[in-house]
Amino acid sequence: MVLSSSCGAEQSGVDRTSGFTGGYCYSSHSEKALVDGCSFGACLCQRVMLWEGVTGINIALFLHVIARELCYGSKFPGSISSLLHVMARGLSDRGEFPTSTLSQLIVWREKCESGNFISLRNIFKTMTNEIKIHDLNAENFITERVNEIVSAVGQGTAINALSGGVDSSVVTLLGHRALGHRLRTVFVQNGLMREGEAEFVADIFSKLGVKVEIVDARKEFLDALKGITDPEEKREAITQTFYKKVFGRIVRESGAKFLLQGTILTDIDETVAGIKRQHNVFAQLGIDPEETFGYQILEPLIRLRKDGVRVAGKALGLPEEMFNRIPFPGPALAARIIGEVTAEKLDLVKKATSVVERILAGTGAFQYMAILHNDRVTGMREGKRKFGHQIEIRCWDSVDARTASPTKLPFETLEELASSILENVPEVVSVTYNIASKPPSTLEAI
């Protein structure tokens, strides 16, 4: 095993001819290496804190790599446990990571011991240097990403799924600037989107010269979600249905070898940190998309956060109603239904969403939404007792979704929201407003 000499750890049997590139140690395996996990962990933890410009996510990925190397072939199960505990404690002391860090690292340890990681080389590809908004030159960024897409795809074809969100919209225009007609753009109608979303998005992009194919997959997604109540299991069901079943079929039929996807840096942050699994994050979890789904994924926005994506979208010529659109979750309205997703619940949350987005459109808030709770609550309709549904409204002030505060809406606006929802969605008898910040809350409920 090769350990970074910059850590200052001289261990018996350790080759110190290390590499140190861009702030990251890298190593190769040696069968004879024996490492004391605790002392080496303390050394690494101390060293990693000195690297300038290393974000919490990159620290986590670095630990991920070291963990894999140390327990390669299940030879270091004791040492790796000590190592991960020491590192997690050091990160926790610095306040770099949420309290879930230790448990997440232990999960990584278990995956290490089962050999469930992609290659070390691919792991390092996921270590992403953020382009901050004040450093972003939109025109240069667009040119570089277009050239990367052209270089990767060559004379072949690619495909992308357009959802109408800011990220997928920007990726669509980047891809068409790079590939023209060799990029096939598909809108998967999964039944989980806003009312009329597919037609609205297709019309916008038609005016931009981009043909959008609408594929009806509503039954497949509802069938996949049937009976599932656990949030992570719902996300996983949507991921598998989209990437392997529905979109996998479309890709196979098209013959395309590449998928353009709008993953941004915040998606990776939350997934690797164990906050919530984002549906579009794979390599950072040790999943090889080509092996799992049969195609390679290109992620041109992966170094940006939401504010940077909006700037790139404006520079690409997206209309403001698209590049300034409020964020919408990958799992769509399934992320706003607590409990099992059914057609009836989707109908309710779609109506409530329409009300919330209409009334709050002029607030300047980062994001706003209606969430349907699972339990019924006691209410009254027409002078009689009624066990009805409860809608929770969330409205957020934020820049990049990493942290957020509830918008201080006027009470008159809250009253208008409640009365309009109760009038337009008669199955609802209670409307509440969230006043918890992120963290500990998250923007979406699921």
Protein backbone atom coordinates (compact mmCIF):
# COMPACT_ATOMS: atom_id res chain seq x y z
CA MET A 1 0.00 0.00 0.00
CA VAL A 2 1.23 3.48 -0.81
CA LEU A 3 0.47 6.17 1.75
CA SER A 4 1.00 9.83 1.21
CA SER A 5 4.39 10.86 2.58
CA SER A 6 2.84 14.22 3.36
CA CYS A 7 0.97 12.54 6.21
CA GLY A 8 4.25 11.85 7.92
CA ALA A 9 3.26 8.26 8.76
CA GLU A 10 6.16 5.83 8.47
CA GLN A 11 4.80 2.35 9.00
CA SER A 12 6.61 -0.93 8.64
CA GLY A 13 5.96 -2.46 5.24
CA VAL A 14 4.61 0.76 3.80
CA ASP A 15 5.96 2.08 0.52
CA ARG A 16 6.12 5.88 0.82
CA THR A 17 6.54 6.59 -2.91
CA SER A 18 3.20 8.31 -2.87
CA GLY A 19 1.41 10.66 -5.17
CA PHE A 20 -0.22 13.87 -4.13
CA THR A 21 -2.36 15.50 -6.77
CA GLY A 22 -4.74 18.41 -6.42
CA GLY A 23 -4.97 17.97 -2.67
CA TYR A 24 -5.79 14.26 -2.68
CA CYS A 25 -3.69 11.29 -1.59
CA TYR A 26 -3.84 8.31 -3.89
CA SER A 27 -2.55 4.83 -3.22
CA SER A 28 -2.07 1.39 -4.70
CA HIS A 29 -2.36 -1.95 -2.91
CA SER A 30 0.56 -3.99 -1.58
CA GLU A 31 -0.18 -7.43 -0.10
CA LYS A 32 2.40 -7.04 2.71
CA ALA A 33 1.21 -3.72 4.04
CA LEU A 34 0.19 -3.71 7.70
CA VAL A 35 -1.31 -0.53 9.09
CA ASP A 36 -2.38 0.42 12.58
CA GLY A 37 -5.77 1.96 11.84
CA CYS A 38 -5.97 4.21 14.86
CA SER A 39 -2.62 6.01 14.56
CA PHE A 40 -2.78 6.20 10.79
CA GLY A 41 -6.34 7.48 11.02
CA ALA A 42 -5.32 10.22 13.43
CA CYS A 43 -2.48 11.22 11.10
CA LEU A 44 -4.69 11.33 8.04
CA CYS A 45 -7.41 13.19 9.87
CA GLN A 46 -4.92 15.83 10.99
CA ARG A 47 -3.42 16.13 7.54
CA VAL A 48 -6.69 16.32 5.64
CA MET A 49 -7.82 19.28 7.74
CA LEU A 50 -4.83 21.28 6.47
CA TRP A 51 -5.73 21.01 2.79
CA GLU A 52 -6.98 24.32 1.52
CA GLY A 53 -10.09 24.35 -0.60
CA VAL A 54 -11.15 20.84 0.29
CA THR A 55 -14.89 20.72 0.86
CA GLY A 56 -16.63 18.40 3.27
CA ILE A 57 -17.76 16.19 0.41
CA ASN A 58 -14.24 15.75 -0.90
CA ILE A 59 -12.99 14.89 2.58
CA ALA A 60 -15.68 12.23 2.72
CA LEU A 61 -14.69 10.83 -0.66
CA PHE A 62 -11.05 10.79 0.40
CA LEU A 63 -11.96 8.75 3.47
CA HIS A 64 -14.00 6.51 1.20
CA VAL A 65 -10.91 5.78 -0.90
CA ILE A 66 -8.65 5.15 2.08
CA ALA A 67 -11.26 2.86 3.58
CA ARG A 68 -11.39 0.80 0.41
CA GLU A 69 -7.65 0.47 0.24
CA LEU A 70 -7.16 -0.46 3.87
CA CYS A 71 -9.70 -3.24 3.87
CA TYR A 72 -8.92 -4.51 0.38
CA GLY A 73 -9.65 -8.19 0.34
CA SER A 74 -11.14 -8.01 3.88
CA LYS A 75 -7.63 -8.12 5.33
CA PHE A 76 -8.02 -5.17 7.70
CA PRO A 77 -11.49 -5.37 9.30
CA GLY A 78 -10.25 -4.33 12.76
CA SER A 79 -8.02 -1.51 11.63
CA ILE A 80 -10.56 -0.04 9.28
CA SER A 81 -13.12 0.21 12.06
CA SER A 82 -10.69 2.14 14.24
CA LEU A 83 -9.64 4.32 11.33
CA LEU A 84 -13.16 5.33 10.44
CA HIS A 85 -14.06 6.09 14.04
CA VAL A 86 -11.02 8.36 14.43
CA MET A 87 -11.68 10.18 11.18
CA ALA A 88 -15.36 10.64 11.87
CA ARG A 89 -14.60 12.02 15.32
CA GLY A 90 -12.11 14.49 13.87
CA LEU A 91 -14.60 15.71 11.28
CA SER A 92 -17.32 15.98 13.91
CA ASP A 93 -15.07 18.08 16.16
CA ARG A 94 -14.56 20.52 13.30
CA GLY A 95 -18.26 20.70 12.56
CA GLU A 96 -17.57 19.85 8.90
CA PHE A 97 -20.19 17.15 8.62
CA PRO A 98 -23.60 16.29 10.08
CA THR A 99 -23.92 13.88 12.98
CA SER A 100 -24.68 11.09 10.51
CA THR A 101 -21.02 11.03 9.44
CA LEU A 102 -19.95 8.17 11.67
CA SER A 103 -22.80 5.92 10.68
CA GLN A 104 -22.20 6.73 7.01
CA LEU A 105 -18.53 5.86 7.28
CA ILE A 106 -19.39 2.58 8.96
CA VAL A 107 -21.71 1.80 6.05
CA TRP A 108 -18.77 2.47 3.75
CA ARG A 109 -16.64 0.13 5.85
CA GLU A 110 -19.19 -2.63 5.45
CA LYS A 111 -19.32 -2.05 1.71
CA CYS A 112 -15.54 -2.14 1.61
CA GLU A 113 -15.43 -5.50 3.32
CA SER A 114 -17.90 -6.91 0.81
CA GLY A 115 -15.83 -5.50 -2.08
CA ASN A 116 -18.76 -3.32 -3.18
CA PHE A 117 -16.78 -0.42 -4.67
CA ILE A 118 -15.87 0.66 -8.14
CA SER A 119 -12.18 1.10 -8.95
CA LEU A 120 -9.97 3.57 -7.12
CA ARG A 121 -9.45 5.44 -10.36
CA ASN A 122 -13.17 5.99 -10.83
CA ILE A 123 -13.56 7.09 -7.21
CA PHE A 124 -11.03 9.88 -7.79
CA LYS A 125 -12.95 11.00 -10.84
CA THR A 126 -15.82 11.84 -8.50
CA MET A 127 -13.74 14.24 -6.42
CA THR A 128 -15.19 17.43 -7.77
CA ASN A 129 -13.77 20.93 -7.45
CA GLU A 130 -16.61 23.39 -7.06
CA ILE A 131 -16.87 26.39 -9.36
CA LYS A 132 -18.23 29.09 -7.09
CA ILE A 133 -20.59 31.67 -8.47
CA HIS A 134 -18.05 34.53 -8.18
CA ASP A 135 -15.51 32.47 -10.16
CA LEU A 136 -17.93 31.39 -12.89
CA ASN A 137 -17.38 32.74 -16.38
CA ALA A 138 -20.53 31.45 -18.04
CA GLU A 139 -19.33 31.66 -21.64
CA ASN A 140 -16.06 29.86 -20.87
CA PHE A 141 -17.94 27.24 -18.85
CA ILE A 142 -20.34 26.59 -21.73
CA THR A 143 -17.51 26.31 -24.26
CA GLU A 144 -15.57 23.88 -22.08
CA ARG A 145 -18.61 21.68 -21.38
CA VAL A 146 -19.63 21.63 -25.04
CA ASN A 147 -16.12 20.55 -26.02
CA GLU A 148 -16.15 17.83 -23.36
CA ILE A 149 -19.47 16.46 -24.62
CA VAL A 150 -18.24 16.47 -28.23
CA SER A 151 -15.03 14.71 -27.19
CA ALA A 152 -16.85 12.05 -25.16
CA VAL A 153 -19.59 11.24 -27.67
CA GLY A 154 -17.49 11.60 -30.83
CA GLN A 155 -19.57 10.77 -33.90
CA GLY A 156 -22.02 8.72 -31.84
CA THR A 157 -25.39 9.63 -30.40
CA ALA A 158 -26.53 10.60 -26.94
CA ILE A 159 -29.83 10.91 -25.14
CA ASN A 160 -31.11 13.03 -22.27
CA ALA A 161 -34.19 13.15 -20.10
CA LEU A 162 -35.74 16.60 -19.81
CA SER A 163 -37.93 17.12 -16.75
CA GLY A 164 -38.44 20.87 -17.06
CA GLY A 165 -36.32 21.65 -14.03
CA VAL A 166 -33.47 24.14 -14.22
CA ASP A 167 -30.71 21.51 -14.22
CA SER A 168 -32.13 19.25 -16.93
CA SER A 169 -33.11 22.26 -19.04
CA VAL A 170 -29.56 23.63 -18.99
CA VAL A 171 -28.10 20.21 -19.81
CA THR A 172 -30.54 19.90 -22.73
CA LEU A 173 -29.35 23.15 -24.30
CA LEU A 174 -25.69 22.30 -23.64
CA GLY A 175 -26.17 18.93 -25.29
CA HIS A 176 -27.94 20.32 -28.34
CA ARG A 177 -25.29 23.00 -28.76
CA ALA A 178 -22.68 20.24 -28.74
CA LEU A 179 -24.43 17.51 -30.72
CA GLY A 180 -27.39 19.01 -32.54
CA HIS A 181 -29.69 16.33 -33.94
CA ARG A 182 -27.44 13.59 -32.51
CA LEU A 183 -28.92 14.27 -29.07
CA ARG A 184 -32.37 12.77 -28.53
CA THR A 185 -34.35 14.58 -25.82
CA VAL A 186 -37.10 12.69 -24.02
CA PHE A 187 -39.65 13.80 -21.41
CA VAL A 188 -40.71 10.77 -19.36
CA GLN A 189 -44.32 11.28 -18.26
CA ASN A 190 -44.16 9.43 -14.95
CA GLY A 191 -47.44 10.70 -13.52
CA LEU A 192 -45.57 12.40 -10.69
CA MET A 193 -45.16 15.84 -12.26
CA ARG A 194 -47.26 19.01 -12.07
CA GLU A 195 -50.48 19.14 -14.07
CA GLY A 196 -49.76 19.82 -17.76
CA GLU A 197 -45.99 19.80 -17.21
CA ALA A 198 -45.04 17.63 -20.20
CA GLU A 199 -46.91 19.78 -22.71
CA PHE A 200 -45.68 23.04 -21.14
CA VAL A 201 -42.02 21.97 -21.30
CA ALA A 202 -42.25 20.54 -24.81
CA ASP A 203 -43.77 23.80 -26.06
CA ILE A 204 -41.02 25.94 -24.46
CA PHE A 205 -38.24 23.86 -26.03
CA SER A 206 -39.97 23.68 -29.39
CA LYS A 207 -39.64 27.46 -29.53
CA LEU A 208 -35.91 27.01 -28.82
CA GLY A 209 -35.56 24.58 -31.73
CA VAL A 210 -35.40 21.44 -29.63
CA LYS A 211 -37.75 18.56 -30.34
CA VAL A 212 -38.98 16.83 -27.17
CA GLU A 213 -40.47 13.33 -27.26
CA ILE A 214 -43.05 12.59 -24.53
CA VAL A 215 -43.04 8.98 -23.33
CA ASP A 216 -46.00 7.83 -21.23
CA ALA A 217 -44.74 5.68 -18.33
CA ARG A 218 -47.33 6.57 -15.68
CA LYS A 219 -48.48 3.02 -15.04
CA GLU A 220 -44.94 1.69 -14.64
CA PHE A 221 -44.04 4.25 -11.99
CA LEU A 222 -47.25 3.86 -10.00
CA ASP A 223 -46.86 0.08 -10.09
CA ALA A 224 -43.27 0.39 -8.85
CA LEU A 225 -44.36 2.62 -5.94
CA LYS A 226 -47.30 0.49 -4.86
CA GLY A 227 -47.21 -0.41 -1.17
CA ILE A 228 -43.93 1.46 -0.48
CA THR A 229 -43.91 3.92 2.44
CA ASP A 230 -40.22 4.24 3.37
CA PRO A 231 -38.70 7.44 1.90
CA GLU A 232 -35.45 5.88 0.71
CA GLU A 233 -37.23 2.87 -0.73
CA LYS A 234 -39.49 5.21 -2.69
CA ARG A 235 -36.49 7.06 -4.08
CA GLU A 236 -34.82 3.77 -4.99
CA ALA A 237 -37.99 2.48 -6.70
CA ILE A 238 -38.15 5.64 -8.82
CA THR A 239 -34.43 5.43 -9.63
CA GLN A 240 -34.61 1.81 -10.73
CA THR A 241 -37.82 2.28 -12.71
CA PHE A 242 -36.43 5.31 -14.49
CA TYR A 243 -32.84 4.30 -15.20
CA LYS A 244 -33.13 0.55 -15.66
CA LYS A 245 -36.67 -0.07 -16.87
CA VAL A 246 -38.15 2.96 -18.65
CA PHE A 247 -35.16 5.02 -19.71
CA GLY A 248 -32.97 1.95 -20.07
CA ARG A 249 -35.44 0.62 -22.63
CA ILE A 250 -35.48 3.94 -24.51
CA VAL A 251 -31.67 4.04 -24.58
CA ARG A 252 -31.40 0.45 -25.82
CA GLU A 253 -33.91 1.10 -28.59
CA SER A 254 -32.09 4.28 -29.63
CA GLY A 255 -28.65 2.70 -29.68
CA ALA A 256 -27.21 5.67 -27.77
CA LYS A 257 -24.23 4.95 -25.54
CA PHE A 258 -24.31 8.16 -23.53
CA LEU A 259 -26.84 9.81 -21.21
CA LEU A 260 -26.54 13.52 -20.44
CA GLN A 261 -27.71 14.20 -16.91
CA GLY A 262 -28.16 17.34 -14.80
CA THR A 263 -26.44 16.21 -11.59
CA ILE A 264 -25.19 19.20 -9.58
CA LEU A 265 -22.79 19.37 -6.66
CA THR A 266 -25.51 19.65 -4.01
CA ASP A 267 -26.96 16.30 -5.18
CA ILE A 268 -23.63 14.65 -4.40
CA ASP A 269 -23.25 16.44 -1.08
CA GLU A 270 -26.54 15.16 0.29
CA THR A 271 -26.18 11.62 -1.06
CA VAL A 272 -22.65 10.88 0.10
CA ALA A 273 -23.22 12.58 3.45
CA GLY A 274 -26.16 10.24 4.04
CA ILE A 275 -28.73 13.05 4.31
CA LYS A 276 -30.87 11.64 1.51
CA ARG A 277 -30.26 9.60 -1.60
CA GLN A 278 -30.59 11.75 -4.70
CA HIS A 279 -31.95 9.73 -7.60
CA ASN A 280 -29.22 10.85 -10.03
CA VAL A 281 -26.06 10.04 -8.03
CA PHE A 282 -24.27 6.78 -8.83
CA ALA A 283 -20.48 6.85 -9.12
CA GLN A 284 -20.12 8.45 -5.70
CA LEU A 285 -21.94 5.44 -4.20
CA GLY A 286 -19.77 2.86 -5.95
CA ILE A 287 -22.30 2.18 -8.72
CA ASP A 288 -20.95 1.86 -12.28
CA PRO A 289 -23.81 3.15 -14.50
CA GLU A 290 -22.45 1.47 -17.63
CA GLU A 291 -22.31 -1.91 -15.93
CA THR A 292 -25.62 -1.43 -14.09
CA PHE A 293 -27.74 0.29 -16.75
CA GLY A 294 -25.85 -0.27 -19.99
CA TYR A 295 -24.83 3.30 -20.80
CA GLN A 296 -22.33 5.96 -19.70
CA ILE A 297 -23.51 9.07 -17.90
CA LEU A 298 -22.12 12.53 -18.68
CA GLU A 299 -22.64 15.18 -16.01
CA PRO A 300 -21.59 18.61 -17.34
CA LEU A 301 -23.05 20.57 -14.39
CA ILE A 302 -21.46 18.54 -11.61
CA ARG A 303 -19.13 21.37 -10.50
CA LEU A 304 -21.95 23.89 -10.07
CA ARG A 305 -24.60 24.60 -7.49
CA LYS A 306 -28.05 25.94 -8.31
CA ASP A 307 -27.04 29.59 -8.52
CA GLY A 308 -24.32 28.76 -11.03
CA VAL A 309 -26.68 26.61 -13.09
CA ARG A 310 -29.08 29.55 -13.40
CA VAL A 311 -26.29 31.80 -14.67
CA ALA A 312 -25.29 29.18 -17.26
CA GLY A 313 -28.93 28.78 -18.31
CA LYS A 314 -29.34 32.48 -18.90
CA ALA A 315 -26.15 32.57 -20.98
CA LEU A 316 -27.41 29.63 -23.06
CA GLY A 317 -30.57 31.53 -23.96
CA LEU A 318 -33.10 29.83 -21.72
CA PRO A 319 -36.12 32.06 -21.08
CA GLU A 320 -36.31 33.45 -17.55
CA GLU A 321 -39.39 31.38 -16.75
CA MET A 322 -37.10 28.33 -17.11
CA PHE A 323 -33.70 29.39 -15.73
CA ASN A 324 -35.32 31.13 -12.74
CA ARG A 325 -37.80 28.34 -12.12
CA ILE A 326 -38.06 27.11 -8.55
CA PRO A 327 -36.32 23.77 -7.91
CA PHE A 328 -38.41 20.64 -8.36
CA PRO A 329 -37.27 17.29 -6.93
CA GLY A 330 -36.08 14.40 -9.10
CA PRO A 331 -38.64 12.04 -7.55
CA ALA A 332 -41.18 14.79 -8.33
CA LEU A 333 -44.38 14.82 -6.28
CA ALA A 334 -43.52 11.42 -4.79
CA ALA A 335 -41.13 13.45 -2.63
CA ARG A 336 -44.10 15.46 -1.36
CA ILE A 337 -46.36 12.58 -0.38
CA ILE A 338 -45.62 11.09 3.01
CA GLY A 339 -46.48 7.41 2.93
CA GLU A 340 -47.58 5.36 -0.06
CA VAL A 341 -47.95 7.12 -3.41
CA THR A 342 -51.34 6.51 -5.04
CA ALA A 343 -53.21 8.08 -7.94
CA GLU A 344 -55.69 9.63 -5.51
CA LYS A 345 -52.95 11.22 -3.37
CA LEU A 346 -51.19 12.50 -6.48
CA ASP A 347 -54.40 14.21 -7.57
CA LEU A 348 -54.65 15.97 -4.19
CA VAL A 349 -51.05 17.15 -4.05
CA LYS A 350 -51.16 18.34 -7.68
CA LYS A 351 -54.15 20.57 -6.90
CA ALA A 352 -52.50 21.91 -3.73
CA THR A 353 -49.22 22.48 -5.60
CA SER A 354 -51.02 24.53 -8.23
CA VAL A 355 -52.49 26.77 -5.53
CA VAL A 356 -49.20 27.22 -3.65
CA GLU A 357 -47.18 28.00 -6.79
CA ARG A 358 -49.76 30.51 -8.03
CA ILE A 359 -49.98 32.45 -4.77
CA LEU A 360 -46.27 32.42 -3.88
CA ALA A 361 -44.91 33.05 -7.38
CA GLY A 362 -44.17 36.71 -6.66
CA THR A 363 -42.48 36.30 -3.27
CA GLY A 364 -38.93 35.88 -4.59
CA ALA A 365 -38.53 32.78 -2.44
CA PHE A 366 -36.02 30.10 -3.45
CA GLN A 367 -38.59 27.28 -3.37
CA TYR A 368 -42.14 26.60 -2.21
CA MET A 369 -44.27 23.48 -2.12
CA ALA A 370 -47.28 21.60 -0.76
CA ILE A 371 -46.70 18.37 1.15
CA LEU A 372 -49.43 15.80 1.75
CA HIS A 373 -49.24 14.13 5.15
CA ASN A 374 -50.09 10.48 5.64
CA ASP A 375 -52.36 10.54 8.71
CA ARG A 376 -55.91 11.81 8.51
CA VAL A 377 -56.92 14.59 10.89
CA THR A 378 -60.28 15.54 12.34
CA GLY A 379 -62.08 18.43 10.67
CA MET A 380 -65.56 19.63 9.74
CA ARG A 381 -67.35 19.95 6.43
CA GLU A 382 -70.97 21.09 6.07
CA GLY A 383 -71.46 20.94 9.82
CA LYS A 384 -70.37 17.32 10.06
CA ARG A 385 -67.24 15.67 11.40
CA LYS A 386 -64.80 14.70 8.66
CA PHE A 387 -61.51 12.80 8.80
CA GLY A 388 -59.65 14.65 6.09
CA HIS A 389 -56.16 15.21 4.75
CA GLN A 390 -53.52 17.66 5.96
CA ILE A 391 -51.35 19.80 3.70
CA GLU A 392 -48.09 21.29 4.94
CA ILE A 393 -46.79 24.33 3.08
CA ARG A 394 -43.05 25.00 2.90
CA CYS A 395 -41.52 28.18 1.54
CA TRP A 396 -37.75 28.67 1.63
CA ASP A 397 -35.16 31.43 1.41
CA SER A 398 -31.83 30.03 0.20
CA VAL A 399 -29.03 30.51 -2.32
CA ASP A 400 -27.80 27.02 -3.10
CA ALA A 401 -30.09 24.66 -1.11
CA ARG A 402 -27.36 23.65 1.33
CA THR A 403 -28.95 25.74 4.06
CA ALA A 404 -32.33 27.43 4.07
CA SER A 405 -34.66 29.47 6.26
CA PRO A 406 -38.46 29.53 6.12
CA THR A 407 -39.72 32.64 4.34
CA LYS A 408 -41.43 35.07 6.71
CA LEU A 409 -44.66 35.30 4.78
CA PRO A 410 -47.31 37.86 5.83
CA PHE A 411 -50.13 36.28 7.80
CA GLU A 412 -52.57 37.49 5.14
CA THR A 413 -50.69 35.38 2.58
CA LEU A 414 -50.87 32.33 4.85
CA GLU A 415 -54.62 32.87 5.23
CA GLU A 416 -55.02 33.13 1.45
CA LEU A 417 -53.07 29.90 0.97
CA ALA A 418 -55.18 28.03 3.50
CA SER A 419 -58.55 29.26 2.26
CA SER A 420 -57.66 28.58 -1.39
CA ILE A 421 -56.44 25.05 -0.69
CA LEU A 422 -59.49 24.25 1.45
CA GLU A 423 -61.75 25.55 -1.32
CA ASN A 424 -60.02 23.83 -4.25
CA VAL A 425 -59.11 20.56 -2.51
CA PRO A 426 -62.19 19.61 -0.45
CA GLU A 427 -60.55 16.42 0.82
CA VAL A 428 -58.19 18.64 2.87
CA VAL A 429 -59.32 19.93 6.30
CA SER A 430 -56.02 21.23 7.74
CA VAL A 431 -53.25 23.48 6.34
CA THR A 432 -50.00 24.15 8.23
CA TYR A 433 -46.82 26.16 7.55
CA ASN A 434 -43.32 24.86 8.29
CA ILE A 435 -41.09 27.17 10.36
CA ALA A 436 -38.08 24.85 10.86
CA SER A 437 -34.80 25.81 9.14
CA LYS A 438 -32.45 23.58 7.13
CA PRO A 439 -30.73 22.02 8.97
CA PRO A 440 -32.19 20.14 10.81
CA SER A 441 -35.07 20.12 8.30
CA THR A 442 -34.54 19.51 4.58
CA LEU A 443 -36.22 21.36 1.72
CA GLU A 444 -38.30 18.38 0.70
CA ALA A 445 -40.15 16.14 3.12
CA ILE A 446 -38.84 12.90 1.61
